[in-house]
Amino acid sequence: MKKSIVASLLLTAVFTSMIVSTANAWLTPGYWKTHFEEWETATVNWRGIVSSNAEAYGWLWTPPRGDASIILARALIAAILNLDVAGHTGGEALVAAAASHLVTVGIGTNPSGSGRAMCIAYAEQLDNLNNDLPWTMP
């Protein structure tokens, strides 16, 4: 009996700490694509990059295969979800600039030259943001 109570308390403590750490953390594209139930019915401001939650979900599962626009889209979708669903603040200017660039080049266009370079630069900084690391504007 005593062992089961201790085990139960330990499991409760571990589960509670997981909830607290997730609630305060910025989350990555990998998290959001496997937790669609947390945002599928939310109203999300996609800033012109996609038209719906279902479309964004599809892009999260699309392998980039070297296409910088898809790499950027996946990082940007996670950042938007962190702001609009998880309620985080900070990074709004980076998200707006990255979304503007992605609207210009288009998702799935495999841009080259400076368009590709900017996609990669924005994606790297959004990746830092989504991993709660220091970031800068490209």
N, C-alpha and C. Protein backbone atom coordinates (compact mmCIF):
# COMPACT_ATOMS: atom_id res chain seq x y z
N MET A 1 0.83 -1.19 0.00
CA MET A 1 0.00 0.00 0.00
C MET A 1 0.87 1.25 0.00
N LYS A 2 1.86 1.26 0.90
CA LYS A 2 2.73 2.42 1.01
C LYS A 2 3.49 2.67 -0.30
N LYS A 3 3.95 1.56 -0.96
CA LYS A 3 4.67 1.69 -2.22
C LYS A 3 3.78 2.28 -3.31
N SER A 4 2.52 1.87 -3.35
CA SER A 4 1.63 2.38 -4.39
C SER A 4 1.32 3.86 -4.18
N ILE A 5 1.21 4.29 -2.95
CA ILE A 5 0.99 5.71 -2.67
C ILE A 5 2.20 6.53 -3.09
N VAL A 6 3.39 6.05 -2.76
CA VAL A 6 4.62 6.74 -3.15
C VAL A 6 4.74 6.80 -4.67
N ALA A 7 4.45 5.67 -5.32
CA ALA A 7 4.52 5.63 -6.78
C ALA A 7 3.51 6.58 -7.40
N SER A 8 2.32 6.63 -6.84
CA SER A 8 1.28 7.53 -7.33
C SER A 8 1.69 8.99 -7.16
N LEU A 9 2.25 9.34 -6.03
CA LEU A 9 2.70 10.71 -5.79
C LEU A 9 3.85 11.08 -6.74
N LEU A 10 4.75 10.13 -6.98
CA LEU A 10 5.86 10.37 -7.88
C LEU A 10 5.36 10.61 -9.30
N LEU A 11 4.44 9.79 -9.77
CA LEU A 11 3.87 9.97 -11.11
C LEU A 11 3.15 11.30 -11.22
N THR A 12 2.41 11.68 -10.19
CA THR A 12 1.72 12.96 -10.19
C THR A 12 2.71 14.11 -10.27
N ALA A 13 3.79 14.03 -9.53
CA ALA A 13 4.81 15.08 -9.55
C ALA A 13 5.47 15.18 -10.92
N VAL A 14 5.79 14.04 -11.53
CA VAL A 14 6.42 14.05 -12.85
C VAL A 14 5.46 14.63 -13.88
N PHE A 15 4.21 14.17 -13.87
CA PHE A 15 3.22 14.66 -14.82
C PHE A 15 2.98 16.16 -14.65
N THR A 16 2.86 16.62 -13.42
CA THR A 16 2.65 18.04 -13.15
C THR A 16 3.83 18.86 -13.64
N SER A 17 5.05 18.40 -13.43
CA SER A 17 6.22 19.16 -13.89
C SER A 17 6.26 19.21 -15.41
N MET A 18 5.79 18.15 -16.08
CA MET A 18 5.74 18.16 -17.55
C MET A 18 4.75 19.20 -18.04
N ILE A 19 3.60 19.30 -17.40
CA ILE A 19 2.60 20.29 -17.79
C ILE A 19 3.14 21.70 -17.59
N VAL A 20 3.74 21.94 -16.44
CA VAL A 20 4.28 23.27 -16.16
C VAL A 20 5.37 23.64 -17.15
N SER A 21 6.28 22.71 -17.46
CA SER A 21 7.37 23.05 -18.37
C SER A 21 6.86 23.29 -19.78
N THR A 22 5.85 22.53 -20.24
CA THR A 22 5.29 22.74 -21.56
C THR A 22 4.52 24.05 -21.62
N ALA A 23 3.80 24.37 -20.55
CA ALA A 23 2.98 25.58 -20.55
C ALA A 23 3.84 26.83 -20.64
N ASN A 24 5.05 26.80 -20.14
CA ASN A 24 5.91 27.98 -20.15
C ASN A 24 6.89 28.00 -21.31
N ALA A 25 6.99 26.92 -22.04
CA ALA A 25 8.01 26.80 -23.07
C ALA A 25 7.49 27.21 -24.45
N TRP A 26 8.41 27.74 -25.25
CA TRP A 26 8.14 27.89 -26.67
C TRP A 26 8.24 26.49 -27.24
N LEU A 27 7.42 26.19 -28.23
CA LEU A 27 7.35 24.83 -28.74
C LEU A 27 7.75 24.78 -30.21
N THR A 28 8.33 23.67 -30.61
CA THR A 28 8.90 23.51 -31.95
C THR A 28 7.87 23.01 -32.96
N PRO A 29 8.21 23.06 -34.25
CA PRO A 29 7.30 22.50 -35.26
C PRO A 29 6.96 21.03 -34.98
N GLY A 30 7.93 20.27 -34.49
CA GLY A 30 7.68 18.86 -34.18
C GLY A 30 6.61 18.68 -33.12
N TYR A 31 6.61 19.56 -32.13
CA TYR A 31 5.57 19.49 -31.10
C TYR A 31 4.21 19.81 -31.71
N TRP A 32 4.11 20.92 -32.43
CA TRP A 32 2.83 21.36 -32.95
C TRP A 32 2.23 20.38 -33.96
N LYS A 33 3.09 19.74 -34.76
CA LYS A 33 2.52 18.82 -35.75
C LYS A 33 2.00 17.54 -35.11
N THR A 34 2.45 17.22 -33.91
CA THR A 34 1.95 16.03 -33.24
C THR A 34 0.91 16.35 -32.16
N HIS A 35 0.54 17.61 -32.05
CA HIS A 35 -0.48 18.02 -31.08
C HIS A 35 -1.53 18.92 -31.74
N PHE A 36 -2.01 18.49 -32.89
CA PHE A 36 -2.98 19.26 -33.65
C PHE A 36 -4.25 19.55 -32.84
N GLU A 37 -4.59 18.63 -31.93
CA GLU A 37 -5.80 18.83 -31.13
C GLU A 37 -5.72 20.09 -30.28
N GLU A 38 -4.53 20.59 -30.00
CA GLU A 38 -4.37 21.79 -29.18
C GLU A 38 -4.63 23.07 -29.96
N TRP A 39 -4.67 22.98 -31.29
CA TRP A 39 -4.85 24.21 -32.06
C TRP A 39 -5.80 24.09 -33.23
N GLU A 40 -6.33 22.90 -33.50
CA GLU A 40 -7.15 22.71 -34.67
C GLU A 40 -8.41 23.57 -34.66
N THR A 41 -8.99 23.85 -33.50
CA THR A 41 -10.21 24.65 -33.45
C THR A 41 -9.95 26.10 -33.06
N ALA A 42 -8.69 26.43 -32.81
CA ALA A 42 -8.34 27.81 -32.42
C ALA A 42 -8.42 28.73 -33.63
N THR A 43 -8.71 29.97 -33.37
CA THR A 43 -8.65 30.98 -34.42
C THR A 43 -7.23 31.52 -34.42
N VAL A 44 -6.53 31.26 -35.51
CA VAL A 44 -5.13 31.63 -35.61
C VAL A 44 -4.97 32.65 -36.73
N ASN A 45 -4.20 33.70 -36.49
CA ASN A 45 -3.90 34.71 -37.51
C ASN A 45 -2.69 34.24 -38.30
N TRP A 46 -2.93 33.71 -39.48
CA TRP A 46 -1.84 33.12 -40.28
C TRP A 46 -1.05 34.15 -41.06
N ARG A 47 -1.35 35.43 -40.91
CA ARG A 47 -0.57 36.53 -41.50
C ARG A 47 -0.36 36.36 -43.00
N GLY A 48 -1.36 35.77 -43.67
CA GLY A 48 -1.34 35.65 -45.11
C GLY A 48 -0.54 34.49 -45.67
N ILE A 49 0.10 33.69 -44.80
CA ILE A 49 0.95 32.62 -45.35
C ILE A 49 0.16 31.38 -45.74
N VAL A 50 -0.91 31.08 -45.01
CA VAL A 50 -1.80 29.97 -45.34
C VAL A 50 -3.23 30.42 -45.08
N SER A 51 -4.19 29.63 -45.53
CA SER A 51 -5.58 30.04 -45.38
C SER A 51 -6.31 29.37 -44.22
N SER A 52 -5.75 28.29 -43.68
CA SER A 52 -6.48 27.57 -42.63
C SER A 52 -5.53 26.77 -41.75
N ASN A 53 -6.07 26.33 -40.62
CA ASN A 53 -5.30 25.45 -39.73
C ASN A 53 -4.96 24.15 -40.45
N ALA A 54 -5.90 23.63 -41.23
CA ALA A 54 -5.65 22.37 -41.95
C ALA A 54 -4.51 22.53 -42.94
N GLU A 55 -4.44 23.67 -43.64
CA GLU A 55 -3.35 23.90 -44.59
C GLU A 55 -2.01 24.01 -43.85
N ALA A 56 -2.00 24.73 -42.73
CA ALA A 56 -0.78 24.85 -41.94
C ALA A 56 -0.33 23.48 -41.44
N TYR A 57 -1.27 22.69 -40.98
CA TYR A 57 -0.96 21.33 -40.50
C TYR A 57 -0.32 20.51 -41.62
N GLY A 58 -0.83 20.63 -42.81
CA GLY A 58 -0.26 19.93 -43.96
C GLY A 58 1.17 20.33 -44.24
N TRP A 59 1.46 21.64 -44.15
CA TRP A 59 2.84 22.11 -44.39
C TRP A 59 3.79 21.62 -43.30
N LEU A 60 3.31 21.48 -42.06
CA LEU A 60 4.17 20.96 -41.00
C LEU A 60 4.62 19.53 -41.30
N TRP A 61 3.81 18.78 -42.01
CA TRP A 61 4.13 17.39 -42.33
C TRP A 61 4.82 17.24 -43.69
N THR A 62 4.99 18.33 -44.42
CA THR A 62 5.62 18.26 -45.74
C THR A 62 7.13 18.24 -45.60
N PRO A 63 7.80 17.20 -46.11
CA PRO A 63 9.27 17.18 -46.06
C PRO A 63 9.84 18.30 -46.93
N PRO A 64 10.76 19.12 -46.41
CA PRO A 64 11.27 20.26 -47.17
C PRO A 64 12.07 19.87 -48.42
N ARG A 65 12.80 18.77 -48.35
CA ARG A 65 13.63 18.33 -49.47
C ARG A 65 14.47 19.48 -50.04
N GLY A 66 15.03 20.29 -49.14
CA GLY A 66 15.90 21.38 -49.55
C GLY A 66 15.21 22.66 -49.95
N ASP A 67 13.87 22.68 -49.97
CA ASP A 67 13.13 23.88 -50.35
C ASP A 67 13.10 24.84 -49.16
N ALA A 68 13.83 25.94 -49.29
CA ALA A 68 13.96 26.91 -48.18
C ALA A 68 12.62 27.52 -47.80
N SER A 69 11.69 27.63 -48.75
CA SER A 69 10.38 28.21 -48.42
C SER A 69 9.60 27.28 -47.49
N ILE A 70 9.75 25.98 -47.65
CA ILE A 70 9.06 25.03 -46.76
C ILE A 70 9.76 25.01 -45.40
N ILE A 71 11.07 25.10 -45.40
CA ILE A 71 11.82 25.18 -44.13
C ILE A 71 11.34 26.39 -43.34
N LEU A 72 11.23 27.53 -44.01
CA LEU A 72 10.74 28.74 -43.35
C LEU A 72 9.29 28.58 -42.92
N ALA A 73 8.46 28.03 -43.77
CA ALA A 73 7.04 27.87 -43.43
C ALA A 73 6.86 27.06 -42.15
N ARG A 74 7.59 25.97 -42.03
CA ARG A 74 7.45 25.12 -40.85
C ARG A 74 7.86 25.87 -39.57
N ALA A 75 8.97 26.59 -39.61
CA ALA A 75 9.42 27.36 -38.44
C ALA A 75 8.44 28.49 -38.13
N LEU A 76 7.93 29.13 -39.17
CA LEU A 76 7.00 30.25 -39.00
C LEU A 76 5.66 29.78 -38.44
N ILE A 77 5.16 28.67 -38.92
CA ILE A 77 3.90 28.12 -38.41
C ILE A 77 4.02 27.85 -36.91
N ALA A 78 5.12 27.25 -36.49
CA ALA A 78 5.32 26.99 -35.06
C ALA A 78 5.37 28.29 -34.27
N ALA A 79 6.07 29.29 -34.79
CA ALA A 79 6.16 30.57 -34.08
C ALA A 79 4.79 31.24 -33.96
N ILE A 80 4.01 31.18 -35.03
CA ILE A 80 2.66 31.77 -34.98
C ILE A 80 1.81 31.04 -33.95
N LEU A 81 1.91 29.72 -33.92
CA LEU A 81 1.15 28.95 -32.92
C LEU A 81 1.61 29.29 -31.51
N ASN A 82 2.90 29.49 -31.32
CA ASN A 82 3.41 29.88 -30.01
C ASN A 82 2.83 31.22 -29.57
N LEU A 83 2.68 32.14 -30.51
CA LEU A 83 2.13 33.45 -30.18
C LEU A 83 0.61 33.40 -30.01
N ASP A 84 -0.09 32.80 -30.98
CA ASP A 84 -1.54 32.88 -31.02
C ASP A 84 -2.27 31.82 -30.20
N VAL A 85 -1.69 30.64 -30.05
CA VAL A 85 -2.35 29.58 -29.29
C VAL A 85 -1.76 29.47 -27.88
N ALA A 86 -0.44 29.44 -27.79
CA ALA A 86 0.21 29.28 -26.48
C ALA A 86 0.26 30.59 -25.70
N GLY A 87 0.02 31.72 -26.38
CA GLY A 87 -0.04 33.00 -25.69
C GLY A 87 1.29 33.62 -25.33
N HIS A 88 2.35 33.20 -25.98
CA HIS A 88 3.66 33.79 -25.70
C HIS A 88 3.75 35.19 -26.31
N THR A 89 4.68 35.96 -25.80
CA THR A 89 4.95 37.28 -26.35
C THR A 89 6.43 37.36 -26.68
N GLY A 90 6.77 38.32 -27.51
CA GLY A 90 8.14 38.47 -27.97
C GLY A 90 8.27 37.79 -29.33
N GLY A 91 9.03 38.38 -30.18
CA GLY A 91 9.23 37.79 -31.48
C GLY A 91 8.20 38.21 -32.52
N GLU A 92 7.27 39.08 -32.15
CA GLU A 92 6.22 39.48 -33.09
C GLU A 92 6.79 40.16 -34.34
N ALA A 93 7.82 40.99 -34.17
CA ALA A 93 8.42 41.68 -35.32
C ALA A 93 9.11 40.67 -36.24
N LEU A 94 9.78 39.69 -35.66
CA LEU A 94 10.44 38.65 -36.44
C LEU A 94 9.40 37.84 -37.21
N VAL A 95 8.31 37.46 -36.56
CA VAL A 95 7.25 36.70 -37.21
C VAL A 95 6.64 37.50 -38.35
N ALA A 96 6.37 38.77 -38.11
CA ALA A 96 5.77 39.61 -39.16
C ALA A 96 6.70 39.74 -40.37
N ALA A 97 7.98 39.96 -40.12
CA ALA A 97 8.94 40.10 -41.22
C ALA A 97 9.09 38.79 -41.99
N ALA A 98 9.17 37.68 -41.26
CA ALA A 98 9.31 36.37 -41.91
C ALA A 98 8.06 36.03 -42.71
N ALA A 99 6.89 36.33 -42.17
CA ALA A 99 5.64 36.07 -42.89
C ALA A 99 5.56 36.90 -44.16
N SER A 100 5.97 38.16 -44.06
CA SER A 100 5.97 39.03 -45.24
C SER A 100 6.88 38.47 -46.33
N HIS A 101 8.05 38.00 -45.93
CA HIS A 101 8.98 37.42 -46.91
C HIS A 101 8.39 36.16 -47.53
N LEU A 102 7.79 35.31 -46.70
CA LEU A 102 7.23 34.07 -47.22
C LEU A 102 6.06 34.32 -48.16
N VAL A 103 5.24 35.31 -47.85
CA VAL A 103 4.15 35.68 -48.76
C VAL A 103 4.73 36.12 -50.11
N THR A 104 5.84 36.83 -50.07
CA THR A 104 6.47 37.31 -51.30
C THR A 104 7.02 36.15 -52.15
N VAL A 105 7.72 35.20 -51.53
CA VAL A 105 8.31 34.11 -52.31
C VAL A 105 7.33 32.97 -52.55
N GLY A 106 6.39 32.76 -51.63
CA GLY A 106 5.43 31.67 -51.75
C GLY A 106 5.97 30.38 -51.15
N ILE A 107 5.08 29.57 -50.58
CA ILE A 107 5.47 28.29 -50.00
C ILE A 107 5.54 27.25 -51.12
N GLY A 108 6.61 26.48 -51.09
CA GLY A 108 6.77 25.40 -52.05
C GLY A 108 7.35 25.84 -53.38
N THR A 109 7.95 27.03 -53.41
CA THR A 109 8.48 27.57 -54.66
C THR A 109 9.97 27.30 -54.87
N ASN A 110 10.64 26.76 -53.86
CA ASN A 110 12.07 26.49 -53.92
C ASN A 110 12.86 27.69 -54.44
N PRO A 111 12.79 28.81 -53.71
CA PRO A 111 13.46 30.03 -54.18
C PRO A 111 14.98 29.85 -54.26
N SER A 112 15.60 30.67 -55.08
CA SER A 112 17.06 30.65 -55.20
C SER A 112 17.59 32.04 -54.88
N GLY A 113 18.89 32.17 -54.89
CA GLY A 113 19.54 33.46 -54.68
C GLY A 113 19.20 34.09 -53.35
N SER A 114 18.93 35.40 -53.40
CA SER A 114 18.68 36.15 -52.16
C SER A 114 17.36 35.74 -51.50
N GLY A 115 16.38 35.31 -52.30
CA GLY A 115 15.11 34.84 -51.73
C GLY A 115 15.34 33.62 -50.85
N ARG A 116 16.17 32.69 -51.33
CA ARG A 116 16.50 31.49 -50.56
C ARG A 116 17.30 31.87 -49.31
N ALA A 117 18.28 32.75 -49.49
CA ALA A 117 19.13 33.15 -48.36
C ALA A 117 18.30 33.77 -47.24
N MET A 118 17.33 34.61 -47.61
CA MET A 118 16.48 35.23 -46.59
C MET A 118 15.57 34.20 -45.93
N CYS A 119 15.05 33.24 -46.69
CA CYS A 119 14.23 32.17 -46.09
C CYS A 119 15.03 31.44 -45.02
N ILE A 120 16.26 31.09 -45.36
CA ILE A 120 17.11 30.36 -44.41
C ILE A 120 17.43 31.23 -43.20
N ALA A 121 17.75 32.50 -43.43
CA ALA A 121 18.07 33.40 -42.31
C ALA A 121 16.88 33.55 -41.36
N TYR A 122 15.68 33.77 -41.92
CA TYR A 122 14.49 33.87 -41.08
C TYR A 122 14.22 32.55 -40.36
N ALA A 123 14.34 31.43 -41.07
CA ALA A 123 14.08 30.13 -40.47
C ALA A 123 15.02 29.86 -39.29
N GLU A 124 16.29 30.23 -39.44
CA GLU A 124 17.25 30.02 -38.35
C GLU A 124 16.86 30.82 -37.12
N GLN A 125 16.47 32.07 -37.30
CA GLN A 125 16.10 32.90 -36.15
C GLN A 125 14.78 32.45 -35.53
N LEU A 126 13.83 32.01 -36.37
CA LEU A 126 12.58 31.47 -35.84
C LEU A 126 12.83 30.17 -35.08
N ASP A 127 13.77 29.37 -35.57
CA ASP A 127 14.14 28.15 -34.86
C ASP A 127 14.69 28.50 -33.48
N ASN A 128 15.52 29.53 -33.41
CA ASN A 128 16.01 29.99 -32.10
C ASN A 128 14.84 30.41 -31.22
N LEU A 129 13.91 31.19 -31.77
CA LEU A 129 12.75 31.65 -31.02
C LEU A 129 11.93 30.45 -30.52
N ASN A 130 11.65 29.49 -31.40
CA ASN A 130 10.85 28.32 -31.05
C ASN A 130 11.54 27.41 -30.04
N ASN A 131 12.85 27.52 -29.93
CA ASN A 131 13.60 26.75 -28.94
C ASN A 131 13.97 27.60 -27.73
N ASP A 132 13.36 28.78 -27.63
CA ASP A 132 13.55 29.70 -26.51
C ASP A 132 15.02 30.09 -26.34
N LEU A 133 15.68 30.30 -27.48
CA LEU A 133 17.08 30.74 -27.50
C LEU A 133 17.14 32.20 -27.97
N PRO A 134 18.24 32.89 -27.73
CA PRO A 134 18.36 34.27 -28.22
C PRO A 134 18.24 34.30 -29.75
N TRP A 135 17.56 35.33 -30.25
CA TRP A 135 17.39 35.47 -31.69
C TRP A 135 17.59 36.94 -32.07
N THR A 136 17.82 37.18 -33.34
CA THR A 136 17.95 38.55 -33.87
C THR A 136 17.17 38.63 -35.17
N MET A 137 16.96 39.83 -35.63
CA MET A 137 16.35 40.03 -36.96
C MET A 137 17.43 39.81 -38.01
N PRO A 138 17.13 39.04 -39.06
CA PRO A 138 18.12 38.86 -40.14
C PRO A 138 18.37 40.16 -40.88
